[in-house]
Amino acid sequence: MSFKVIASVSEAERHLRDVVALAFHNGKLYTGADDGKIKIWSPDLKLISEFQAHSVNVYSLAVTDDTLYTCSNDGTIQAWNLSNNEPKKTLQNNPNIEVLRLHLANGKLYSGEDKGNVRVWENDEQVALYEMGEEIWDLLVHGDMLFTARNLDINITEMLPEKQNQFTSRGAVEGRSPIRLAGDKICFMSRCGRNVLLHETTVESRFKQVAQMKAHEMIVNALCVSEEPQLTIYSGGYDNTLKGWDAATQKCTGSLDLGVCINALCSGPKGEIYVASANGHMVRVEAK
């Protein structure tokens, strides 16, 4: 299998700074960048609309059927109306906090901060707060399990929804961000940032390691998972190379040198992969 670039953003329409956040939803690609802007694209990377979401860097995005959520190092979480890009609500506004990551699961929005807190939002109101004790570089929710990542360990927390703000620590495994769900497993990077790890997600399995893929020669910044045509993990980072990994066999399915550092990845509904990099450059890659 080989990878091929089939679309790229134009010089006139690209972000002017590094693109660091991607989300694909209902036939549109949403991007956030260090210029504080949100841009909305067609599947073939033609610009549909754009707006200034923050005065400084956008860190993360999350999209529902009617709302786009954005966060930034300005200390805010903003909700935007998908139909017209107009502001709906400011969920959080604290200039002393950098909101690093947003994640949607179980009908709730989860936000992770540089102060080590994970906040849970339902109907745009905070309903829970979990104090993790270290910066939240990335987070993932699977059932009642909360996985948080920095650069040394994946901390595993069982949330207790019936007891607000209470949780049980289920330990930690060695690893670092980014972290993604791959079928019924979680995947994340090794401490060195170069190998992709697969682990179980249950207390009964003790979250044991299933596989380790020696993936890259330099640190990986981005992971994404596609279920088409088969469950595949994609990785990319400082070595400028996009790679695909069959989740079942852990074999490399393809590799493509894009000539620029990869900041973020996301998959589309047909297995296409969107790659974001420095200075606003983005491409759509498909497997042939």
C-alpha atoms as a PDB file:
ATOM      1  CA  MET A   1       0.000   0.000   0.000  1.00  0.00           C
ATOM      2  CA  SER A   2       1.233   3.515  -0.805  1.00  0.00           C
ATOM      3  CA  PHE A   3       0.134   6.962   0.336  1.00  0.00           C
ATOM      4  CA  LYS A   4      -0.548   9.815  -2.049  1.00  0.00           C
ATOM      5  CA  VAL A   5      -1.287  13.505  -1.566  1.00  0.00           C
ATOM      6  CA  ILE A   6      -4.515  14.249  -3.437  1.00  0.00           C
ATOM      7  CA  ALA A   7      -5.302  17.771  -2.191  1.00  0.00           C
ATOM      8  CA  SER A   8      -3.576  20.663  -0.453  1.00  0.00           C
ATOM      9  CA  VAL A   9      -4.547  24.114   0.764  1.00  0.00           C
ATOM     10  CA  SER A  10      -3.781  27.086  -1.466  1.00  0.00           C
ATOM     11  CA  GLU A  11      -1.260  29.744  -0.503  1.00  0.00           C
ATOM     12  CA  ALA A  12      -4.032  32.357  -0.551  1.00  0.00           C
ATOM     13  CA  GLU A  13      -6.342  30.443   1.817  1.00  0.00           C
ATOM     14  CA  ARG A  14      -3.955  28.810   4.292  1.00  0.00           C
ATOM     15  CA  HIS A  15      -3.468  29.808   7.925  1.00  0.00           C
ATOM     16  CA  LEU A  16      -0.558  32.198   8.380  1.00  0.00           C
ATOM     17  CA  ARG A  17       0.845  30.307  11.367  1.00  0.00           C
ATOM     18  CA  ASP A  18       1.294  26.656  12.407  1.00  0.00           C
ATOM     19  CA  VAL A  19      -1.881  24.537  12.318  1.00  0.00           C
ATOM     20  CA  VAL A  20      -2.130  22.514  15.533  1.00  0.00           C
ATOM     21  CA  ALA A  21      -5.764  21.356  15.823  1.00  0.00           C
ATOM     22  CA  LEU A  22      -7.989  19.409  13.420  1.00  0.00           C
ATOM     23  CA  ALA A  23     -11.512  18.000  13.578  1.00  0.00           C
ATOM     24  CA  PHE A  24     -13.643  16.464  10.807  1.00  0.00           C
ATOM     25  CA  HIS A  25     -17.409  16.573  11.280  1.00  0.00           C
ATOM     26  CA  ASN A  26     -20.395  16.210   8.940  1.00  0.00           C
ATOM     27  CA  GLY A  27     -18.402  16.620   5.749  1.00  0.00           C
ATOM     28  CA  LYS A  28     -16.295  19.569   6.870  1.00  0.00           C
ATOM     29  CA  LEU A  29     -12.764  19.951   8.214  1.00  0.00           C
ATOM     30  CA  TYR A  30     -12.265  22.397  11.081  1.00  0.00           C
ATOM     31  CA  THR A  31      -8.769  23.739  11.762  1.00  0.00           C
ATOM     32  CA  GLY A  32      -7.241  25.864  14.506  1.00  0.00           C
ATOM     33  CA  ALA A  33      -3.851  27.516  14.381  1.00  0.00           C
ATOM     34  CA  ASP A  34      -1.361  29.719  16.190  1.00  0.00           C
ATOM     35  CA  ASP A  35      -2.910  32.746  14.444  1.00  0.00           C
ATOM     36  CA  GLY A  36      -6.006  32.326  16.656  1.00  0.00           C
ATOM     37  CA  LYS A  37      -8.237  31.638  13.679  1.00  0.00           C
ATOM     38  CA  ILE A  38     -10.675  28.851  12.926  1.00  0.00           C
ATOM     39  CA  LYS A  39     -10.999  27.856   9.284  1.00  0.00           C
ATOM     40  CA  ILE A  40     -13.627  25.543   7.830  1.00  0.00           C
ATOM     41  CA  TRP A  41     -12.840  23.517   4.718  1.00  0.00           C
ATOM     42  CA  SER A  42     -14.505  21.232   2.224  1.00  0.00           C
ATOM     43  CA  PRO A  43     -13.174  17.651   2.050  1.00  0.00           C
ATOM     44  CA  ASP A  44     -10.908  18.664  -0.851  1.00  0.00           C
ATOM     45  CA  LEU A  45      -9.450  21.547   1.221  1.00  0.00           C
ATOM     46  CA  LYS A  46     -11.286  24.462  -0.339  1.00  0.00           C
ATOM     47  CA  LEU A  47     -11.970  27.220   2.180  1.00  0.00           C
ATOM     48  CA  ILE A  48     -15.631  27.595   3.168  1.00  0.00           C
ATOM     49  CA  SER A  49     -15.369  30.206   5.945  1.00  0.00           C
ATOM     50  CA  GLU A  50     -13.127  31.514   8.697  1.00  0.00           C
ATOM     51  CA  PHE A  51     -13.300  33.610  11.840  1.00  0.00           C
ATOM     52  CA  GLN A  52     -11.076  34.915  14.630  1.00  0.00           C
ATOM     53  CA  ALA A  53     -11.771  32.694  17.629  1.00  0.00           C
ATOM     54  CA  HIS A  54      -8.970  33.863  19.940  1.00  0.00           C
ATOM     55  CA  SER A  55      -6.402  36.643  19.938  1.00  0.00           C
ATOM     56  CA  VAL A  56      -3.649  34.067  20.531  1.00  0.00           C
ATOM     57  CA  ASN A  57      -2.987  30.381  19.845  1.00  0.00           C
ATOM     58  CA  VAL A  58      -5.828  27.908  19.400  1.00  0.00           C
ATOM     59  CA  TYR A  59      -4.847  24.714  21.200  1.00  0.00           C
ATOM     60  CA  SER A  60      -7.709  22.268  20.607  1.00  0.00           C
ATOM     61  CA  LEU A  61     -11.123  21.800  18.972  1.00  0.00           C
ATOM     62  CA  ALA A  62     -14.213  19.680  19.612  1.00  0.00           C
ATOM     63  CA  VAL A  63     -17.311  19.583  17.398  1.00  0.00           C
ATOM     64  CA  THR A  64     -20.904  18.494  18.024  1.00  0.00           C
ATOM     65  CA  ASP A  65     -23.847  18.673  15.623  1.00  0.00           C
ATOM     66  CA  ASP A  66     -24.544  22.327  16.478  1.00  0.00           C
ATOM     67  CA  THR A  67     -21.503  23.637  18.354  1.00  0.00           C
ATOM     68  CA  LEU A  68     -17.782  24.112  17.858  1.00  0.00           C
ATOM     69  CA  TYR A  69     -15.708  24.350  21.038  1.00  0.00           C
ATOM     70  CA  THR A  70     -12.279  25.969  21.042  1.00  0.00           C
ATOM     71  CA  CYS A  71      -9.664  26.549  23.738  1.00  0.00           C
ATOM     72  CA  SER A  72      -6.538  28.644  23.947  1.00  0.00           C
ATOM     73  CA  ASN A  73      -3.701  29.900  26.088  1.00  0.00           C
ATOM     74  CA  ASP A  74      -5.866  32.973  26.712  1.00  0.00           C
ATOM     75  CA  GLY A  75      -7.592  30.908  29.410  1.00  0.00           C
ATOM     76  CA  THR A  76     -10.933  30.568  27.666  1.00  0.00           C
ATOM     77  CA  ILE A  77     -13.152  27.821  26.352  1.00  0.00           C
ATOM     78  CA  GLN A  78     -15.471  29.256  23.714  1.00  0.00           C
ATOM     79  CA  ALA A  79     -18.611  27.751  22.201  1.00  0.00           C
ATOM     80  CA  TRP A  80     -19.504  28.772  18.627  1.00  0.00           C
ATOM     81  CA  ASN A  81     -22.708  28.281  16.649  1.00  0.00           C
ATOM     82  CA  LEU A  82     -21.940  25.941  13.741  1.00  0.00           C
ATOM     83  CA  SER A  83     -24.618  27.462  11.529  1.00  0.00           C
ATOM     84  CA  ASN A  84     -23.146  30.980  11.429  1.00  0.00           C
ATOM     85  CA  ASN A  85     -19.813  30.910  13.332  1.00  0.00           C
ATOM     86  CA  GLU A  86     -21.232  33.328  15.896  1.00  0.00           C
ATOM     87  CA  PRO A  87     -20.287  33.042  19.597  1.00  0.00           C
ATOM     88  CA  LYS A  88     -22.740  31.114  21.793  1.00  0.00           C
ATOM     89  CA  LYS A  89     -21.120  31.108  25.202  1.00  0.00           C
ATOM     90  CA  THR A  90     -17.843  31.450  27.065  1.00  0.00           C
ATOM     91  CA  LEU A  91     -17.647  28.336  29.238  1.00  0.00           C
ATOM     92  CA  GLN A  92     -14.460  29.354  31.033  1.00  0.00           C
ATOM     93  CA  ASN A  93     -12.479  32.577  31.255  1.00  0.00           C
ATOM     94  CA  ASN A  94      -9.404  32.616  33.474  1.00  0.00           C
ATOM     95  CA  PRO A  95      -6.220  34.247  32.103  1.00  0.00           C
ATOM     96  CA  ASN A  96      -4.149  32.378  34.708  1.00  0.00           C
ATOM     97  CA  ILE A  97      -5.055  29.005  33.157  1.00  0.00           C
ATOM     98  CA  GLU A  98      -4.033  27.581  29.792  1.00  0.00           C
ATOM     99  CA  VAL A  99      -6.676  25.172  28.498  1.00  0.00           C
ATOM    100  CA  LEU A 100      -4.614  22.643  26.554  1.00  0.00           C
ATOM    101  CA  ARG A 101      -7.049  19.977  25.357  1.00  0.00           C
ATOM    102  CA  LEU A 102     -10.734  19.369  24.628  1.00  0.00           C
ATOM    103  CA  HIS A 103     -12.397  15.971  24.243  1.00  0.00           C
ATOM    104  CA  LEU A 104     -15.991  14.868  23.663  1.00  0.00           C
ATOM    105  CA  ALA A 105     -17.313  11.620  25.165  1.00  0.00           C
ATOM    106  CA  ASN A 106     -20.494  10.305  26.760  1.00  0.00           C
ATOM    107  CA  GLY A 107     -22.386  13.423  25.684  1.00  0.00           C
ATOM    108  CA  LYS A 108     -20.022  15.615  27.719  1.00  0.00           C
ATOM    109  CA  LEU A 109     -17.115  17.938  27.000  1.00  0.00           C
ATOM    110  CA  TYR A 110     -13.867  17.335  28.895  1.00  0.00           C
ATOM    111  CA  SER A 111     -11.167  20.013  29.162  1.00  0.00           C
ATOM    112  CA  GLY A 112      -7.577  19.617  30.379  1.00  0.00           C
ATOM    113  CA  GLU A 113      -5.429  22.420  31.808  1.00  0.00           C
ATOM    114  CA  ASP A 114      -1.828  23.318  32.501  1.00  0.00           C
ATOM    115  CA  LYS A 115      -2.742  23.448  36.216  1.00  0.00           C
ATOM    116  CA  GLY A 116      -3.535  19.719  36.164  1.00  0.00           C
ATOM    117  CA  ASN A 117      -7.324  19.910  36.274  1.00  0.00           C
ATOM    118  CA  VAL A 118      -9.804  18.065  34.090  1.00  0.00           C
ATOM    119  CA  ARG A 119     -13.193  19.769  33.985  1.00  0.00           C
ATOM    120  CA  VAL A 120     -16.383  18.101  32.792  1.00  0.00           C
ATOM    121  CA  TRP A 121     -19.076  20.127  31.015  1.00  0.00           C
ATOM    122  CA  GLU A 122     -22.657  19.150  30.282  1.00  0.00           C
ATOM    123  CA  ASN A 123     -25.059  21.481  28.465  1.00  0.00           C
ATOM    124  CA  ASP A 124     -22.225  24.041  28.624  1.00  0.00           C
ATOM    125  CA  GLU A 125     -22.161  24.018  32.434  1.00  0.00           C
ATOM    126  CA  GLN A 126     -19.374  22.576  34.584  1.00  0.00           C
ATOM    127  CA  VAL A 127     -20.575  19.412  36.345  1.00  0.00           C
ATOM    128  CA  ALA A 128     -17.325  17.933  37.685  1.00  0.00           C
ATOM    129  CA  LEU A 129     -13.682  18.733  38.394  1.00  0.00           C
ATOM    130  CA  TYR A 130     -10.866  16.187  38.709  1.00  0.00           C
ATOM    131  CA  GLU A 131      -7.464  17.273  40.053  1.00  0.00           C
ATOM    132  CA  MET A 132      -4.788  15.209  38.309  1.00  0.00           C
ATOM    133  CA  GLY A 133      -1.713  16.960  39.694  1.00  0.00           C
ATOM    134  CA  GLU A 134       0.169  17.554  36.431  1.00  0.00           C
ATOM    135  CA  GLU A 135      -0.291  19.308  33.114  1.00  0.00           C
ATOM    136  CA  ILE A 136      -2.835  17.669  30.840  1.00  0.00           C
ATOM    137  CA  TRP A 137      -1.118  17.457  27.461  1.00  0.00           C
ATOM    138  CA  ASP A 138      -3.795  15.092  26.186  1.00  0.00           C
ATOM    139  CA  LEU A 139      -6.800  13.201  27.522  1.00  0.00           C
ATOM    140  CA  LEU A 140      -9.138  10.400  26.516  1.00  0.00           C
ATOM    141  CA  VAL A 141     -12.364   9.112  28.052  1.00  0.00           C
ATOM    142  CA  HIS A 142     -13.486   5.508  27.525  1.00  0.00           C
ATOM    143  CA  GLY A 143     -16.548   4.573  29.549  1.00  0.00           C
ATOM    144  CA  ASP A 144     -15.850   5.717  33.118  1.00  0.00           C
ATOM    145  CA  MET A 145     -12.091   5.583  32.567  1.00  0.00           C
ATOM    146  CA  LEU A 146     -10.155   8.834  32.167  1.00  0.00           C
ATOM    147  CA  PHE A 147      -6.706   8.563  30.598  1.00  0.00           C
ATOM    148  CA  THR A 148      -4.484  11.643  30.914  1.00  0.00           C
ATOM    149  CA  ALA A 149      -1.071  12.081  29.367  1.00  0.00           C
ATOM    150  CA  ARG A 150       1.974  14.263  29.719  1.00  0.00           C
ATOM    151  CA  ASN A 151       5.497  13.146  28.763  1.00  0.00           C
ATOM    152  CA  LEU A 152       6.317  10.323  31.223  1.00  0.00           C
ATOM    153  CA  ASP A 153       3.157   8.409  32.119  1.00  0.00           C
ATOM    154  CA  ILE A 154      -0.420   7.725  31.124  1.00  0.00           C
ATOM    155  CA  ASN A 155      -2.405   8.203  34.324  1.00  0.00           C
ATOM    156  CA  ILE A 156      -5.561   6.110  34.577  1.00  0.00           C
ATOM    157  CA  THR A 157      -8.498   7.347  36.633  1.00  0.00           C
ATOM    158  CA  GLU A 158     -11.892   5.802  37.205  1.00  0.00           C
ATOM    159  CA  MET A 159     -14.474   8.572  37.443  1.00  0.00           C
ATOM    160  CA  LEU A 160     -17.360   8.080  39.875  1.00  0.00           C
ATOM    161  CA  PRO A 161     -20.282   9.860  38.186  1.00  0.00           C
ATOM    162  CA  GLU A 162     -22.626   9.168  41.105  1.00  0.00           C
ATOM    163  CA  LYS A 163     -20.190  11.053  43.401  1.00  0.00           C
ATOM    164  CA  GLN A 164     -19.433  14.461  41.950  1.00  0.00           C
ATOM    165  CA  ASN A 165     -15.717  15.313  41.670  1.00  0.00           C
ATOM    166  CA  GLN A 166     -14.695  11.969  43.185  1.00  0.00           C
ATOM    167  CA  PHE A 167     -12.509   9.404  41.456  1.00  0.00           C
ATOM    168  CA  THR A 168     -10.330   6.359  42.028  1.00  0.00           C
ATOM    169  CA  SER A 169      -6.788   6.170  40.714  1.00  0.00           C
ATOM    170  CA  ARG A 170      -6.185   2.965  38.754  1.00  0.00           C
ATOM    171  CA  GLY A 171      -2.459   3.539  38.408  1.00  0.00           C
ATOM    172  CA  ALA A 172      -0.252   4.543  35.513  1.00  0.00           C
ATOM    173  CA  VAL A 173       1.676   3.064  32.618  1.00  0.00           C
ATOM    174  CA  GLU A 174       4.792   4.462  31.010  1.00  0.00           C
ATOM    175  CA  GLY A 175       4.070   6.637  28.003  1.00  0.00           C
ATOM    176  CA  ARG A 176       3.354  10.113  26.735  1.00  0.00           C
ATOM    177  CA  SER A 177       0.935  12.106  24.626  1.00  0.00           C
ATOM    178  CA  PRO A 178      -0.732  11.964  22.185  1.00  0.00           C
ATOM    179  CA  ILE A 179      -3.269   9.309  23.178  1.00  0.00           C
ATOM    180  CA  ARG A 180      -6.083   7.866  21.051  1.00  0.00           C
ATOM    181  CA  LEU A 181      -8.679   5.104  21.112  1.00  0.00           C
ATOM    182  CA  ALA A 182      -8.041   2.313  18.578  1.00  0.00           C
ATOM    183  CA  GLY A 183     -10.982  -0.073  18.625  1.00  0.00           C
ATOM    184  CA  ASP A 184     -11.141  -1.435  22.169  1.00  0.00           C
ATOM    185  CA  LYS A 185      -7.493  -0.523  22.868  1.00  0.00           C
ATOM    186  CA  ILE A 186      -5.711   2.750  23.574  1.00  0.00           C
ATOM    187  CA  CYS A 187      -2.643   3.843  21.646  1.00  0.00           C
ATOM    188  CA  PHE A 188      -0.081   6.405  22.725  1.00  0.00           C
ATOM    189  CA  MET A 189       3.617   7.104  22.466  1.00  0.00           C
ATOM    190  CA  SER A 190       6.485   5.626  24.454  1.00  0.00           C
ATOM    191  CA  ARG A 191       8.430   7.908  26.789  1.00  0.00           C
ATOM    192  CA  CYS A 192      11.025   8.493  24.085  1.00  0.00           C
ATOM    193  CA  GLY A 193       8.248   9.705  21.795  1.00  0.00           C
ATOM    194  CA  ARG A 194       9.231   7.440  18.894  1.00  0.00           C
ATOM    195  CA  ASN A 195       7.379   4.148  19.432  1.00  0.00           C
ATOM    196  CA  VAL A 196       3.616   3.598  19.225  1.00  0.00           C
ATOM    197  CA  LEU A 197       2.187   1.515  22.079  1.00  0.00           C
ATOM    198  CA  LEU A 198      -1.098  -0.411  22.253  1.00  0.00           C
ATOM    199  CA  HIS A 199      -2.651  -1.186  25.651  1.00  0.00           C
ATOM    200  CA  GLU A 200      -5.788  -2.799  27.024  1.00  0.00           C
ATOM    201  CA  THR A 201      -8.423  -0.473  28.510  1.00  0.00           C
ATOM    202  CA  THR A 202      -9.884  -2.506  31.382  1.00  0.00           C
ATOM    203  CA  VAL A 203      -9.136  -2.827  35.074  1.00  0.00           C
ATOM    204  CA  GLU A 204      -9.344  -6.618  34.731  1.00  0.00           C
ATOM    205  CA  SER A 205      -6.526  -6.626  32.163  1.00  0.00           C
ATOM    206  CA  ARG A 206      -4.481  -4.240  34.329  1.00  0.00           C
ATOM    207  CA  PHE A 207      -4.154  -2.095  31.215  1.00  0.00           C
ATOM    208  CA  LYS A 208      -1.422  -4.389  29.958  1.00  0.00           C
ATOM    209  CA  GLN A 209       0.637  -3.630  26.874  1.00  0.00           C
ATOM    210  CA  VAL A 210      -0.470  -5.480  23.765  1.00  0.00           C
ATOM    211  CA  ALA A 211       2.104  -4.278  21.253  1.00  0.00           C
ATOM    212  CA  GLN A 212       4.932  -1.827  20.614  1.00  0.00           C
ATOM    213  CA  MET A 213       5.667  -0.501  17.130  1.00  0.00           C
ATOM    214  CA  LYS A 214       9.091   1.011  16.532  1.00  0.00           C
ATOM    215  CA  ALA A 215       7.629   3.785  14.459  1.00  0.00           C
ATOM    216  CA  HIS A 216       9.853   6.830  13.957  1.00  0.00           C
ATOM    217  CA  GLU A 217      13.402   8.077  14.355  1.00  0.00           C
ATOM    218  CA  MET A 218      12.237  11.383  15.864  1.00  0.00           C
ATOM    219  CA  ILE A 219       9.496  12.463  18.292  1.00  0.00           C
ATOM    220  CA  VAL A 220       5.900  11.938  17.173  1.00  0.00           C
ATOM    221  CA  ASN A 221       3.533  14.886  17.620  1.00  0.00           C
ATOM    222  CA  ALA A 222       0.333  13.424  16.230  1.00  0.00           C
ATOM    223  CA  LEU A 223      -1.722  10.236  16.132  1.00  0.00           C
ATOM    224  CA  CYS A 224      -5.098   9.493  14.603  1.00  0.00           C
ATOM    225  CA  VAL A 225      -7.122   6.353  13.993  1.00  0.00           C
ATOM    226  CA  SER A 226      -9.220   5.399  10.970  1.00  0.00           C
ATOM    227  CA  GLU A 227     -11.633   2.464  10.723  1.00  0.00           C
ATOM    228  CA  GLU A 228     -11.589   2.497   6.906  1.00  0.00           C
ATOM    229  CA  PRO A 229     -10.735   0.275   5.098  1.00  0.00           C
ATOM    230  CA  GLN A 230      -9.448  -1.463   8.255  1.00  0.00           C
ATOM    231  CA  LEU A 231      -8.531  -0.235  11.720  1.00  0.00           C
ATOM    232  CA  THR A 232      -5.344   1.750  11.123  1.00  0.00           C
ATOM    233  CA  ILE A 233      -3.234   3.994  13.352  1.00  0.00           C
ATOM    234  CA  TYR A 234      -1.487   6.937  11.685  1.00  0.00           C
ATOM    235  CA  SER A 235       1.519   8.704  13.176  1.00  0.00           C
ATOM    236  CA  GLY A 236       3.658  11.700  12.281  1.00  0.00           C
ATOM    237  CA  GLY A 237       6.054  14.220  13.777  1.00  0.00           C
ATOM    238  CA  TYR A 238       9.472  15.784  13.516  1.00  0.00           C
ATOM    239  CA  ASP A 239      10.827  13.372  10.912  1.00  0.00           C
ATOM    240  CA  ASN A 240       8.298  14.818   8.386  1.00  0.00           C
ATOM    241  CA  THR A 241       6.941  11.326   7.674  1.00  0.00           C
ATOM    242  CA  LEU A 242       3.365  10.059   7.818  1.00  0.00           C
ATOM    243  CA  LYS A 243       3.109   6.350   8.612  1.00  0.00           C
ATOM    244  CA  GLY A 244       0.180   3.929   8.862  1.00  0.00           C
ATOM    245  CA  TRP A 245      -0.013   0.874  11.163  1.00  0.00           C
ATOM    246  CA  ASP A 246      -2.452  -2.014  10.946  1.00  0.00           C
ATOM    247  CA  ALA A 247      -3.930  -2.206  14.457  1.00  0.00           C
ATOM    248  CA  ALA A 248      -4.445  -5.970  14.196  1.00  0.00           C
ATOM    249  CA  THR A 249      -1.007  -6.979  12.927  1.00  0.00           C
ATOM    250  CA  GLN A 250       0.997  -3.907  14.000  1.00  0.00           C
ATOM    251  CA  LYS A 251       2.619  -3.899  10.552  1.00  0.00           C
ATOM    252  CA  CYS A 252       3.390  -0.668   8.696  1.00  0.00           C
ATOM    253  CA  THR A 253       0.831  -0.187   5.912  1.00  0.00           C
ATOM    254  CA  GLY A 254       2.500   2.776   4.231  1.00  0.00           C
ATOM    255  CA  SER A 255       4.855   5.727   4.597  1.00  0.00           C
ATOM    256  CA  LEU A 256       5.100   9.152   3.001  1.00  0.00           C
ATOM    257  CA  ASP A 257       7.741  11.861   3.496  1.00  0.00           C
ATOM    258  CA  LEU A 258       5.905  15.197   3.382  1.00  0.00           C
ATOM    259  CA  GLY A 259       9.015  17.326   3.757  1.00  0.00           C
ATOM    260  CA  VAL A 260       7.662  19.298   6.740  1.00  0.00           C
ATOM    261  CA  CYS A 261       7.107  18.657  10.452  1.00  0.00           C
ATOM    262  CA  ILE A 262       3.680  17.125  11.161  1.00  0.00           C
ATOM    263  CA  ASN A 263       1.730  18.885  13.930  1.00  0.00           C
ATOM    264  CA  ALA A 264      -1.712  17.258  13.803  1.00  0.00           C
ATOM    265  CA  LEU A 265      -3.644  14.468  12.091  1.00  0.00           C
ATOM    266  CA  CYS A 266      -7.276  13.517  11.702  1.00  0.00           C
ATOM    267  CA  SER A 267      -9.185  11.029   9.603  1.00  0.00           C
ATOM    268  CA  GLY A 268     -12.170  11.486   7.320  1.00  0.00           C
ATOM    269  CA  PRO A 269     -15.134   9.124   6.843  1.00  0.00           C
ATOM    270  CA  LYS A 270     -13.627   7.302   3.852  1.00  0.00           C
ATOM    271  CA  GLY A 271     -10.238   6.660   5.403  1.00  0.00           C
ATOM    272  CA  GLU A 272      -8.619   9.816   4.073  1.00  0.00           C
ATOM    273  CA  ILE A 273      -6.085  11.477   6.379  1.00  0.00           C
ATOM    274  CA  TYR A 274      -5.689  15.224   6.872  1.00  0.00           C
ATOM    275  CA  VAL A 275      -2.213  16.372   7.840  1.00  0.00           C
ATOM    276  CA  ALA A 276      -1.450  19.780   9.396  1.00  0.00           C
ATOM    277  CA  SER A 277       1.991  21.284   9.611  1.00  0.00           C
ATOM    278  CA  ALA A 278       3.987  24.489   9.880  1.00  0.00           C
ATOM    279  CA  ASN A 279       3.055  27.844   8.364  1.00  0.00           C
ATOM    280  CA  GLY A 280      -0.503  26.810   7.564  1.00  0.00           C
ATOM    281  CA  HIS A 281       0.339  24.004   5.169  1.00  0.00           C
ATOM    282  CA  MET A 282      -2.153  21.131   5.082  1.00  0.00           C
ATOM    283  CA  VAL A 283      -2.689  18.161   2.788  1.00  0.00           C
ATOM    284  CA  ARG A 284      -5.180  15.345   2.288  1.00  0.00           C
ATOM    285  CA  VAL A 285      -3.569  11.928   1.949  1.00  0.00           C
ATOM    286  CA  GLU A 286      -5.183   8.712   0.695  1.00  0.00           C
ATOM    287  CA  ALA A 287      -3.949   5.145   0.620  1.00  0.00           C
ATOM    288  CA  LYS A 288      -3.683   3.538  -2.814  1.00  0.00           C
END
